[in-house]
Protein backbone atom coordinates (compact mmCIF):
# COMPACT_ATOMS: atom_id res chain seq x y z
CA MET A 1 18.43 3.90 10.09
CA ASP A 2 18.76 4.36 6.35
CA TYR A 3 16.31 3.28 3.68
CA GLN A 4 18.30 0.22 2.60
CA ALA A 5 18.43 -1.09 6.14
CA ASP A 6 14.76 -0.29 6.64
CA LEU A 7 12.35 -3.16 6.18
CA ASP A 8 10.39 -3.02 2.92
CA LEU A 9 6.90 -4.43 3.31
CA SER A 10 6.00 -4.55 -0.38
CA GLN A 11 6.06 -8.36 -0.50
CA ASP A 12 3.95 -8.63 2.66
CA ILE A 13 1.41 -6.24 1.18
CA ARG A 14 1.42 -8.15 -2.10
CA SER A 15 0.75 -11.44 -0.31
CA LEU A 16 -2.29 -9.87 1.37
CA VAL A 17 -3.85 -8.17 -1.66
CA GLU A 18 -3.18 -10.60 -4.52
CA PRO A 19 -5.76 -13.21 -3.42
CA LEU A 20 -8.44 -10.50 -3.33
CA VAL A 21 -8.19 -9.26 -6.93
CA SER A 22 -9.03 -10.64 -10.36
CA ASN A 23 -5.71 -9.65 -11.93
CA PRO A 24 -2.93 -10.22 -9.37
CA SER A 25 -0.24 -9.59 -11.99
CA HIS A 26 -1.55 -6.02 -12.40
CA ILE A 27 -0.83 -5.06 -8.78
CA VAL A 28 1.91 -2.45 -8.29
CA ILE A 29 3.12 -1.56 -4.81
CA GLU A 30 5.28 1.53 -4.34
CA ARG A 31 6.84 2.99 -1.25
CA THR A 32 5.94 6.68 -1.33
CA ASP A 33 8.09 8.06 1.48
CA LYS A 34 10.01 11.18 0.62
CA GLU A 35 13.76 11.08 1.12
CA GLU A 36 13.59 13.30 4.20
CA ASP A 37 10.91 11.04 5.75
CA LEU A 38 12.82 7.76 5.45
CA ASN A 39 13.97 7.85 9.06
CA SER A 40 10.55 8.67 10.47
CA ARG A 41 8.39 6.28 12.44
CA GLU A 42 6.00 5.91 9.51
CA GLN A 43 6.07 4.07 6.19
CA ASN A 44 3.77 5.00 3.32
CA TYR A 45 2.79 2.67 0.51
CA LEU A 46 0.63 3.09 -2.57
CA VAL A 47 -1.16 0.02 -3.92
CA LEU A 48 -2.12 0.43 -7.57
CA CYS A 49 -4.56 -1.92 -9.27
CA ASP A 50 -7.11 -2.11 -12.05
CA LYS A 51 -10.22 0.01 -11.58
CA GLU A 52 -12.36 -3.14 -11.40
CA ASP A 53 -10.29 -4.48 -8.49
CA LEU A 54 -10.15 -1.28 -6.45
CA GLY A 55 -13.52 -1.93 -4.81
CA LYS A 56 -12.43 -5.43 -3.84
CA LEU A 57 -9.38 -4.03 -2.03
CA ILE A 58 -11.26 -1.27 -0.25
CA GLY A 59 -14.40 -3.22 0.57
CA ARG A 60 -17.75 -1.91 1.72
CA HIS A 61 -17.19 1.07 4.03
CA GLY A 62 -13.43 0.41 3.86
CA VAL A 63 -13.61 -2.81 5.88
CA ILE A 64 -11.10 -4.74 3.73
CA SER A 65 -8.56 -1.91 3.47
CA ASP A 66 -8.79 -1.27 7.22
CA SER A 67 -8.24 -4.97 7.88
CA ILE A 68 -5.15 -5.05 5.64
CA ARG A 69 -3.75 -2.01 7.48
CA THR A 70 -4.43 -3.64 10.85
CA ILE A 71 -2.74 -6.90 9.86
CA LEU A 72 0.36 -5.04 8.65
CA ASN A 73 0.59 -2.82 11.71
CA VAL A 74 0.08 -5.66 14.20
CA SER A 75 2.41 -8.09 12.45
CA ASN A 76 5.17 -5.48 12.24
CA LYS A 77 4.69 -4.01 15.69
CA ASN A 78 8.31 -4.81 16.61
CA MET A 79 9.42 -2.28 13.94
CA ARG A 80 7.75 0.45 15.99
CA LYS A 81 6.52 2.06 12.81
CA LYS A 82 3.07 3.00 11.60
CA ILE A 83 2.23 1.60 8.18
CA HIS A 84 0.04 3.75 5.94
CA LEU A 85 -1.60 2.29 2.84
CA ARG A 86 -3.30 4.17 0.05
CA PHE A 87 -5.23 2.35 -2.64
CA ALA A 88 -5.73 3.76 -6.14
CA SER A 89 -6.44 2.56 -9.64
CA PHE A 90 -4.08 3.13 -12.55
CA GLU A 91 -6.80 5.29 -14.08
CA GLU A 92 -6.92 7.63 -11.06
CA VAL A 93 -3.15 8.05 -11.03
CA ASN A 94 -3.05 8.80 -14.76
CA ARG A 95 -5.81 11.40 -14.31
CA THR A 96 -3.79 13.08 -11.55
CA PHE A 97 -0.69 13.29 -13.74
CA ASP A 98 -2.75 14.67 -16.64
CA LYS A 99 -3.93 17.58 -14.44
CA GLU A 100 -0.36 18.59 -13.51
């Protein structure tokens, strides 16, 4: 199965995270699979948001982020793929690029 035929869950993820944040228009969702991993049984997504909203998406002890992952994996069980989500703020990503 190629990437174009593969189901993109960005809109599903967006619909789950937007109600939780103060600035829904600042949410960026990227699929982070490498080209060689596109046919694997896993999909990786990065959810970028404002620093102030990051805690709202992760929740105390990761309860909210774990719940979002569970909802995505259960609702897309027929895909037979494992969905991985990583949450980060724009500030963290910029800091990572500055170090490189």
